[in-house]
Amino acid sequence: MIIPFKNFEIQTIKMADCVEELRPLREAHYFETEPVYKHHSVNVNWPHFVACEAAGTAKCYGARLVDSQQLIAYLLVYVVPSAHDSSMIASDDGYYIVPEYRGSGLARRLLQFSEKRLKELGVDYFLMSSRKPSGGANVGLLLEDEGFVPFATAYSKAL
């Protein structure tokens, strides 16, 4: 399913077929948010993501430019049964919009598209994070506007 929005096409992205397209976006995302609290260089384990996708425990949604079909955004989630009850949980592992397309409404539309697809999969709870404290875009207000409720604060310590 492809949803048109302005000059974008929002769709499910098959990671197994799109690693080379996802790689530069993932690296840009990493350099924007992770160096604040991580000391390792980026080395995404793509075989892991592809294996999780094949097992049904990872999903990727994204947006392409209509004219060039260039991938310019993604939302990657893990989908797993809760260890605490009978619910299914989707938890983001990355939400990135190329900076020049931020503020276009794409972030909201991609989030809404992803939420609908996850609900179709039987997901009960969708957990999202904001990387604003580590230099990323402040998506907290967008998430709250879309019905997400803040419930935890995460901390990291290099060992």
N, C-alpha and C. Protein backbone atom coordinates (compact mmCIF):
# COMPACT_ATOMS: atom_id res chain seq x y z
N MET A 1 0.84 -1.17 0.00
CA MET A 1 0.00 0.00 0.00
C MET A 1 0.89 1.24 0.00
N ILE A 2 0.60 2.15 -0.91
CA ILE A 2 1.32 3.41 -1.01
C ILE A 2 0.33 4.54 -0.81
N ILE A 3 0.67 5.44 0.11
CA ILE A 3 -0.18 6.59 0.39
C ILE A 3 0.52 7.84 -0.14
N PRO A 4 -0.09 8.54 -1.10
CA PRO A 4 0.52 9.78 -1.59
C PRO A 4 0.31 10.91 -0.58
N PHE A 5 1.32 11.74 -0.41
CA PHE A 5 1.24 12.92 0.45
C PHE A 5 2.20 13.96 -0.12
N LYS A 6 1.64 15.06 -0.58
CA LYS A 6 2.43 16.11 -1.23
C LYS A 6 3.29 15.48 -2.32
N ASN A 7 4.61 15.68 -2.28
CA ASN A 7 5.48 15.07 -3.30
C ASN A 7 6.17 13.82 -2.76
N PHE A 8 5.51 13.14 -1.80
CA PHE A 8 6.05 11.93 -1.18
C PHE A 8 5.11 10.75 -1.40
N GLU A 9 5.67 9.54 -1.32
CA GLU A 9 4.88 8.32 -1.28
C GLU A 9 5.27 7.59 0.01
N ILE A 10 4.30 7.38 0.87
CA ILE A 10 4.53 6.72 2.15
C ILE A 10 4.15 5.26 1.99
N GLN A 11 5.03 4.36 2.46
CA GLN A 11 4.83 2.95 2.19
C GLN A 11 5.62 2.07 3.16
N THR A 12 5.29 0.79 3.15
CA THR A 12 6.10 -0.19 3.86
C THR A 12 7.38 -0.39 3.06
N ILE A 13 8.49 -0.45 3.77
CA ILE A 13 9.80 -0.64 3.14
C ILE A 13 10.29 -2.04 3.49
N LYS A 14 10.63 -2.82 2.48
CA LYS A 14 11.20 -4.14 2.73
C LYS A 14 12.70 -3.98 2.90
N MET A 15 13.18 -4.12 4.14
CA MET A 15 14.59 -3.89 4.42
C MET A 15 15.50 -4.79 3.60
N ALA A 16 15.11 -6.03 3.39
CA ALA A 16 15.94 -6.97 2.64
C ALA A 16 16.26 -6.45 1.25
N ASP A 17 15.36 -5.65 0.68
CA ASP A 17 15.56 -5.11 -0.66
C ASP A 17 16.13 -3.69 -0.67
N CYS A 18 16.22 -3.07 0.49
CA CYS A 18 16.55 -1.64 0.53
C CYS A 18 17.71 -1.27 1.45
N VAL A 19 18.54 -2.23 1.81
CA VAL A 19 19.66 -1.94 2.72
C VAL A 19 20.51 -0.78 2.21
N GLU A 20 20.85 -0.78 0.94
CA GLU A 20 21.73 0.27 0.41
C GLU A 20 21.06 1.63 0.42
N GLU A 21 19.75 1.68 0.35
CA GLU A 21 19.02 2.95 0.45
C GLU A 21 18.90 3.40 1.91
N LEU A 22 18.72 2.44 2.80
CA LEU A 22 18.58 2.75 4.22
C LEU A 22 19.91 3.15 4.86
N ARG A 23 20.99 2.56 4.39
CA ARG A 23 22.31 2.77 5.00
C ARG A 23 22.67 4.25 5.21
N PRO A 24 22.60 5.12 4.18
CA PRO A 24 22.99 6.52 4.42
C PRO A 24 22.05 7.25 5.37
N LEU A 25 20.77 6.89 5.36
CA LEU A 25 19.83 7.52 6.28
C LEU A 25 20.13 7.11 7.72
N ARG A 26 20.40 5.82 7.90
CA ARG A 26 20.71 5.31 9.23
C ARG A 26 22.00 5.94 9.77
N GLU A 27 23.00 6.09 8.90
CA GLU A 27 24.25 6.71 9.31
C GLU A 27 24.05 8.17 9.68
N ALA A 28 23.27 8.91 8.89
CA ALA A 28 22.98 10.31 9.20
C ALA A 28 22.24 10.42 10.53
N HIS A 29 21.30 9.52 10.75
CA HIS A 29 20.55 9.48 12.01
C HIS A 29 21.50 9.24 13.18
N TYR A 30 22.38 8.28 13.01
CA TYR A 30 23.34 7.94 14.06
C TYR A 30 24.21 9.15 14.41
N PHE A 31 24.75 9.82 13.39
CA PHE A 31 25.64 10.95 13.64
C PHE A 31 24.91 12.15 14.24
N GLU A 32 23.60 12.22 14.03
CA GLU A 32 22.81 13.30 14.60
C GLU A 32 22.51 13.07 16.08
N THR A 33 22.35 11.82 16.47
CA THR A 33 21.84 11.55 17.82
C THR A 33 22.75 10.74 18.73
N GLU A 34 23.54 9.83 18.20
CA GLU A 34 24.23 8.88 19.07
C GLU A 34 25.57 9.33 19.65
N PRO A 35 26.36 10.17 18.98
CA PRO A 35 27.68 10.50 19.53
C PRO A 35 27.65 11.16 20.91
N VAL A 36 26.51 11.73 21.28
CA VAL A 36 26.40 12.37 22.59
C VAL A 36 26.61 11.36 23.72
N TYR A 37 26.15 10.13 23.51
CA TYR A 37 26.24 9.15 24.59
C TYR A 37 26.93 7.83 24.18
N LYS A 38 27.33 7.71 22.93
CA LYS A 38 28.02 6.49 22.48
C LYS A 38 29.39 6.84 21.95
N HIS A 39 30.33 5.92 22.14
CA HIS A 39 31.69 6.14 21.67
C HIS A 39 32.08 5.19 20.54
N HIS A 40 31.15 4.39 20.07
CA HIS A 40 31.40 3.46 18.98
C HIS A 40 31.06 4.10 17.65
N SER A 41 31.75 3.71 16.60
CA SER A 41 31.39 4.20 15.28
C SER A 41 30.20 3.40 14.78
N VAL A 42 29.47 3.99 13.87
CA VAL A 42 28.28 3.34 13.34
C VAL A 42 28.69 2.10 12.54
N ASN A 43 28.02 1.01 12.80
CA ASN A 43 28.25 -0.25 12.10
C ASN A 43 26.95 -1.06 12.21
N VAL A 44 25.94 -0.60 11.50
CA VAL A 44 24.61 -1.20 11.60
C VAL A 44 24.66 -2.66 11.19
N ASN A 45 24.05 -3.50 11.98
CA ASN A 45 23.99 -4.94 11.73
C ASN A 45 22.78 -5.22 10.82
N TRP A 46 22.95 -4.96 9.54
CA TRP A 46 21.84 -5.14 8.59
C TRP A 46 21.37 -6.59 8.51
N PRO A 47 22.25 -7.59 8.56
CA PRO A 47 21.74 -8.97 8.55
C PRO A 47 20.78 -9.24 9.72
N HIS A 48 21.04 -8.61 10.86
CA HIS A 48 20.14 -8.76 12.02
C HIS A 48 18.76 -8.19 11.69
N PHE A 49 18.73 -6.95 11.15
CA PHE A 49 17.45 -6.33 10.82
C PHE A 49 16.69 -7.15 9.78
N VAL A 50 17.40 -7.63 8.76
CA VAL A 50 16.76 -8.42 7.71
C VAL A 50 16.23 -9.74 8.28
N ALA A 51 16.99 -10.37 9.18
CA ALA A 51 16.53 -11.62 9.82
C ALA A 51 15.30 -11.35 10.68
N CYS A 52 15.31 -10.25 11.41
CA CYS A 52 14.13 -9.91 12.22
C CYS A 52 12.92 -9.62 11.35
N GLU A 53 13.16 -8.94 10.24
CA GLU A 53 12.07 -8.67 9.29
C GLU A 53 11.49 -9.99 8.78
N ALA A 54 12.35 -10.93 8.41
CA ALA A 54 11.90 -12.23 7.91
C ALA A 54 11.13 -13.00 8.97
N ALA A 55 11.51 -12.83 10.23
CA ALA A 55 10.83 -13.50 11.34
C ALA A 55 9.56 -12.78 11.77
N GLY A 56 9.32 -11.60 11.21
CA GLY A 56 8.13 -10.84 11.56
C GLY A 56 8.28 -9.99 12.81
N THR A 57 9.50 -9.85 13.31
CA THR A 57 9.70 -9.07 14.54
C THR A 57 10.28 -7.68 14.27
N ALA A 58 10.42 -7.30 13.03
CA ALA A 58 10.84 -5.94 12.68
C ALA A 58 10.07 -5.50 11.45
N LYS A 59 9.69 -4.23 11.45
CA LYS A 59 8.98 -3.62 10.33
C LYS A 59 9.61 -2.28 10.04
N CYS A 60 9.60 -1.90 8.78
CA CYS A 60 10.14 -0.61 8.39
C CYS A 60 9.12 0.09 7.48
N TYR A 61 8.85 1.34 7.80
CA TYR A 61 7.95 2.16 7.01
C TYR A 61 8.75 3.38 6.56
N GLY A 62 8.43 3.91 5.39
CA GLY A 62 9.23 5.01 4.90
C GLY A 62 8.51 5.87 3.90
N ALA A 63 9.24 6.88 3.42
CA ALA A 63 8.70 7.79 2.41
C ALA A 63 9.74 7.99 1.32
N ARG A 64 9.24 8.03 0.11
CA ARG A 64 10.07 8.28 -1.06
C ARG A 64 9.58 9.54 -1.76
N LEU A 65 10.50 10.22 -2.44
CA LEU A 65 10.10 11.32 -3.31
C LEU A 65 9.39 10.73 -4.52
N VAL A 66 8.30 11.33 -4.93
CA VAL A 66 7.53 10.81 -6.06
C VAL A 66 8.37 10.77 -7.33
N ASP A 67 9.05 11.85 -7.65
CA ASP A 67 9.77 11.94 -8.93
C ASP A 67 10.96 11.00 -9.03
N SER A 68 11.82 11.00 -8.02
CA SER A 68 13.06 10.22 -8.10
C SER A 68 12.99 8.86 -7.40
N GLN A 69 11.96 8.66 -6.57
CA GLN A 69 11.81 7.45 -5.74
C GLN A 69 12.93 7.34 -4.69
N GLN A 70 13.63 8.44 -4.42
CA GLN A 70 14.65 8.45 -3.37
C GLN A 70 14.00 8.29 -2.01
N LEU A 71 14.55 7.39 -1.21
CA LEU A 71 14.07 7.19 0.16
C LEU A 71 14.57 8.36 1.01
N ILE A 72 13.64 9.07 1.67
CA ILE A 72 14.04 10.26 2.43
C ILE A 72 13.56 10.20 3.90
N ALA A 73 12.93 9.10 4.28
CA ALA A 73 12.48 8.97 5.67
C ALA A 73 12.22 7.50 5.99
N TYR A 74 12.40 7.15 7.26
CA TYR A 74 12.04 5.80 7.70
C TYR A 74 11.63 5.81 9.16
N LEU A 75 10.84 4.82 9.51
CA LEU A 75 10.49 4.52 10.89
C LEU A 75 10.63 3.01 11.02
N LEU A 76 11.61 2.59 11.80
CA LEU A 76 11.92 1.18 12.00
C LEU A 76 11.44 0.77 13.38
N VAL A 77 10.67 -0.31 13.46
CA VAL A 77 10.15 -0.78 14.74
C VAL A 77 10.37 -2.28 14.91
N TYR A 78 10.55 -2.66 16.17
CA TYR A 78 10.53 -4.06 16.55
C TYR A 78 9.12 -4.37 17.03
N VAL A 79 8.61 -5.54 16.67
CA VAL A 79 7.27 -5.98 17.08
C VAL A 79 7.43 -7.29 17.83
N VAL A 80 7.07 -7.28 19.12
CA VAL A 80 7.28 -8.45 19.96
C VAL A 80 6.13 -8.61 20.95
N PRO A 81 5.90 -9.84 21.41
CA PRO A 81 4.92 -10.01 22.48
C PRO A 81 5.50 -9.45 23.78
N SER A 82 4.64 -8.87 24.58
CA SER A 82 5.07 -8.36 25.88
C SER A 82 5.50 -9.51 26.77
N ALA A 83 6.51 -9.29 27.57
CA ALA A 83 6.95 -10.30 28.55
C ALA A 83 6.12 -10.21 29.82
N HIS A 84 5.21 -9.25 29.90
CA HIS A 84 4.47 -8.99 31.13
C HIS A 84 2.98 -9.30 31.06
N ASP A 85 2.44 -9.36 29.83
CA ASP A 85 1.01 -9.64 29.67
C ASP A 85 0.78 -10.21 28.27
N SER A 86 -0.45 -10.23 27.84
CA SER A 86 -0.76 -10.85 26.54
C SER A 86 -0.72 -9.86 25.37
N SER A 87 -0.22 -8.68 25.59
CA SER A 87 -0.23 -7.66 24.54
C SER A 87 0.95 -7.81 23.58
N MET A 88 0.79 -7.18 22.42
CA MET A 88 1.86 -7.07 21.42
C MET A 88 2.37 -5.63 21.47
N ILE A 89 3.68 -5.51 21.43
CA ILE A 89 4.34 -4.21 21.56
C ILE A 89 5.14 -3.91 20.30
N ALA A 90 5.05 -2.68 19.82
CA ALA A 90 5.93 -2.18 18.77
C ALA A 90 6.77 -1.07 19.40
N SER A 91 8.07 -1.17 19.23
CA SER A 91 8.98 -0.20 19.83
C SER A 91 9.93 0.33 18.76
N ASP A 92 10.04 1.65 18.66
CA ASP A 92 10.87 2.20 17.59
C ASP A 92 12.35 1.95 17.83
N ASP A 93 13.05 1.73 16.72
CA ASP A 93 14.51 1.62 16.75
C ASP A 93 15.13 2.75 15.95
N GLY A 94 14.32 3.52 15.29
CA GLY A 94 14.82 4.65 14.53
C GLY A 94 13.69 5.32 13.77
N TYR A 95 13.67 6.64 13.84
CA TYR A 95 12.67 7.46 13.17
C TYR A 95 13.44 8.65 12.62
N TYR A 96 13.57 8.71 11.31
CA TYR A 96 14.44 9.73 10.72
C TYR A 96 13.82 10.31 9.46
N ILE A 97 13.84 11.63 9.40
CA ILE A 97 13.42 12.36 8.21
C ILE A 97 14.64 13.18 7.77
N VAL A 98 15.02 13.09 6.51
CA VAL A 98 16.12 13.91 6.00
C VAL A 98 15.81 15.36 6.35
N PRO A 99 16.77 16.10 6.93
CA PRO A 99 16.50 17.45 7.44
C PRO A 99 15.77 18.39 6.49
N GLU A 100 16.07 18.35 5.21
CA GLU A 100 15.42 19.30 4.30
C GLU A 100 13.91 19.04 4.14
N TYR A 101 13.43 17.88 4.59
CA TYR A 101 12.00 17.57 4.48
C TYR A 101 11.27 17.66 5.82
N ARG A 102 11.99 18.02 6.87
CA ARG A 102 11.35 18.24 8.18
C ARG A 102 10.51 19.50 8.11
N GLY A 103 9.40 19.50 8.82
CA GLY A 103 8.50 20.64 8.81
C GLY A 103 7.49 20.60 7.68
N SER A 104 7.52 19.55 6.88
CA SER A 104 6.61 19.42 5.73
C SER A 104 5.31 18.70 6.08
N GLY A 105 5.23 18.15 7.30
CA GLY A 105 4.09 17.32 7.67
C GLY A 105 4.35 15.84 7.45
N LEU A 106 5.48 15.53 6.83
CA LEU A 106 5.81 14.14 6.53
C LEU A 106 5.97 13.29 7.79
N ALA A 107 6.61 13.84 8.82
CA ALA A 107 6.83 13.08 10.05
C ALA A 107 5.50 12.58 10.62
N ARG A 108 4.51 13.45 10.65
CA ARG A 108 3.18 13.08 11.18
C ARG A 108 2.53 12.02 10.29
N ARG A 109 2.57 12.21 8.98
CA ARG A 109 1.94 11.26 8.07
C ARG A 109 2.61 9.89 8.13
N LEU A 110 3.93 9.87 8.23
CA LEU A 110 4.65 8.60 8.33
C LEU A 110 4.30 7.91 9.64
N LEU A 111 4.22 8.66 10.72
CA LEU A 111 3.83 8.10 12.01
C LEU A 111 2.42 7.52 11.95
N GLN A 112 1.48 8.25 11.36
CA GLN A 112 0.09 7.78 11.24
C GLN A 112 0.01 6.53 10.37
N PHE A 113 0.72 6.51 9.26
CA PHE A 113 0.75 5.35 8.38
C PHE A 113 1.27 4.13 9.14
N SER A 114 2.37 4.32 9.85
CA SER A 114 2.98 3.22 10.61
C SER A 114 2.03 2.70 11.67
N GLU A 115 1.38 3.60 12.36
CA GLU A 115 0.43 3.20 13.40
C GLU A 115 -0.70 2.34 12.82
N LYS A 116 -1.22 2.73 11.68
CA LYS A 116 -2.28 1.95 11.04
C LYS A 116 -1.80 0.56 10.66
N ARG A 117 -0.61 0.47 10.07
CA ARG A 117 -0.07 -0.84 9.67
C ARG A 117 0.17 -1.71 10.92
N LEU A 118 0.69 -1.12 11.98
CA LEU A 118 0.96 -1.89 13.20
C LEU A 118 -0.35 -2.39 13.83
N LYS A 119 -1.37 -1.55 13.80
CA LYS A 119 -2.67 -1.97 14.33
C LYS A 119 -3.21 -3.15 13.53
N GLU A 120 -3.02 -3.13 12.21
CA GLU A 120 -3.44 -4.24 11.36
C GLU A 120 -2.71 -5.53 11.71
N LEU A 121 -1.49 -5.40 12.23
CA LEU A 121 -0.69 -6.56 12.64
C LEU A 121 -1.07 -7.08 14.02
N GLY A 122 -1.97 -6.39 14.71
CA GLY A 122 -2.39 -6.81 16.03
C GLY A 122 -1.60 -6.19 17.17
N VAL A 123 -0.84 -5.14 16.88
CA VAL A 123 -0.07 -4.47 17.92
C VAL A 123 -1.03 -3.70 18.84
N ASP A 124 -0.81 -3.84 20.15
CA ASP A 124 -1.63 -3.17 21.15
C ASP A 124 -1.03 -1.86 21.62
N TYR A 125 0.30 -1.80 21.70
CA TYR A 125 0.98 -0.61 22.20
C TYR A 125 2.14 -0.26 21.29
N PHE A 126 2.24 1.02 20.98
CA PHE A 126 3.28 1.54 20.09
C PHE A 126 4.15 2.47 20.93
N LEU A 127 5.39 2.07 21.16
CA LEU A 127 6.31 2.85 21.98
C LEU A 127 7.26 3.63 21.08
N MET A 128 7.33 4.93 21.30
CA MET A 128 8.20 5.81 20.53
C MET A 128 9.09 6.59 21.47
N SER A 129 10.28 6.96 20.99
CA SER A 129 11.20 7.74 21.80
C SER A 129 11.57 9.02 21.07
N SER A 130 12.08 9.96 21.84
CA SER A 130 12.58 11.21 21.27
C SER A 130 14.06 11.30 21.59
N ARG A 131 14.85 11.63 20.60
CA ARG A 131 16.30 11.76 20.79
C ARG A 131 16.70 13.23 20.99
N LYS A 132 15.73 14.09 21.33
CA LYS A 132 16.06 15.49 21.54
C LYS A 132 17.17 15.68 22.56
N PRO A 133 17.17 14.98 23.71
CA PRO A 133 18.26 15.20 24.67
C PRO A 133 19.65 14.89 24.12
N SER A 134 19.71 14.08 23.06
CA SER A 134 21.03 13.74 22.50
C SER A 134 21.26 14.40 21.14
N GLY A 135 20.48 15.42 20.82
CA GLY A 135 20.73 16.19 19.60
C GLY A 135 19.76 15.97 18.46
N GLY A 136 18.83 15.04 18.61
CA GLY A 136 17.88 14.78 17.55
C GLY A 136 16.73 15.77 17.53
N ALA A 137 15.88 15.62 16.57
CA ALA A 137 14.70 16.47 16.46
C ALA A 137 13.78 16.21 17.66
N ASN A 138 13.08 17.25 18.09
CA ASN A 138 12.15 17.11 19.20
C ASN A 138 10.80 16.62 18.68
N VAL A 139 10.62 15.31 18.70
CA VAL A 139 9.34 14.75 18.23
C VAL A 139 8.35 14.56 19.37
N GLY A 140 8.75 14.92 20.59
CA GLY A 140 7.86 14.74 21.74
C GLY A 140 6.52 15.41 21.59
N LEU A 141 6.50 16.64 21.12
CA LEU A 141 5.23 17.35 20.96
C LEU A 141 4.37 16.71 19.88
N LEU A 142 5.00 16.26 18.79
CA LEU A 142 4.28 15.55 17.74
C LEU A 142 3.67 14.27 18.30
N LEU A 143 4.47 13.52 19.04
CA LEU A 143 3.98 12.26 19.62
C LEU A 143 2.80 12.51 20.55
N GLU A 144 2.91 13.49 21.41
CA GLU A 144 1.81 13.79 22.33
C GLU A 144 0.58 14.24 21.57
N ASP A 145 0.77 15.04 20.51
CA ASP A 145 -0.35 15.50 19.69
C ASP A 145 -1.04 14.32 19.00
N GLU A 146 -0.29 13.24 18.74
CA GLU A 146 -0.84 12.04 18.12
C GLU A 146 -1.35 11.03 19.15
N GLY A 147 -1.41 11.41 20.42
CA GLY A 147 -2.00 10.54 21.44
C GLY A 147 -1.01 9.72 22.24
N PHE A 148 0.28 9.86 21.99
CA PHE A 148 1.28 9.16 22.78
C PHE A 148 1.40 9.86 24.14
N VAL A 149 1.66 9.07 25.17
CA VAL A 149 1.78 9.59 26.52
C VAL A 149 3.19 9.32 27.03
N PRO A 150 3.88 10.34 27.55
CA PRO A 150 5.21 10.08 28.10
C PRO A 150 5.09 9.16 29.32
N PHE A 151 5.96 8.16 29.39
CA PHE A 151 5.86 7.22 30.51
C PHE A 151 7.19 6.86 31.13
N ALA A 152 8.31 7.25 30.54
CA ALA A 152 9.61 6.90 31.10
C ALA A 152 10.67 7.86 30.58
N THR A 153 11.77 7.91 31.25
CA THR A 153 12.94 8.63 30.79
C THR A 153 14.10 7.65 30.78
N ALA A 154 14.83 7.62 29.67
CA ALA A 154 15.95 6.67 29.55
C ALA A 154 17.27 7.38 29.81
N TYR A 155 18.20 6.66 30.39
CA TYR A 155 19.53 7.18 30.66
C TYR A 155 20.54 6.18 30.11
N SER A 156 21.71 6.67 29.75
CA SER A 156 22.77 5.81 29.24
C SER A 156 24.08 6.14 29.94
N LYS A 157 24.89 5.14 30.16
CA LYS A 157 26.22 5.33 30.76
C LYS A 157 27.19 4.40 30.05
N ALA A 158 28.26 4.96 29.53
CA ALA A 158 29.27 4.15 28.88
C ALA A 158 30.05 3.37 29.95
N LEU A 159 30.28 2.11 29.73
CA LEU A 159 31.02 1.27 30.69
C LEU A 159 32.33 0.82 30.10
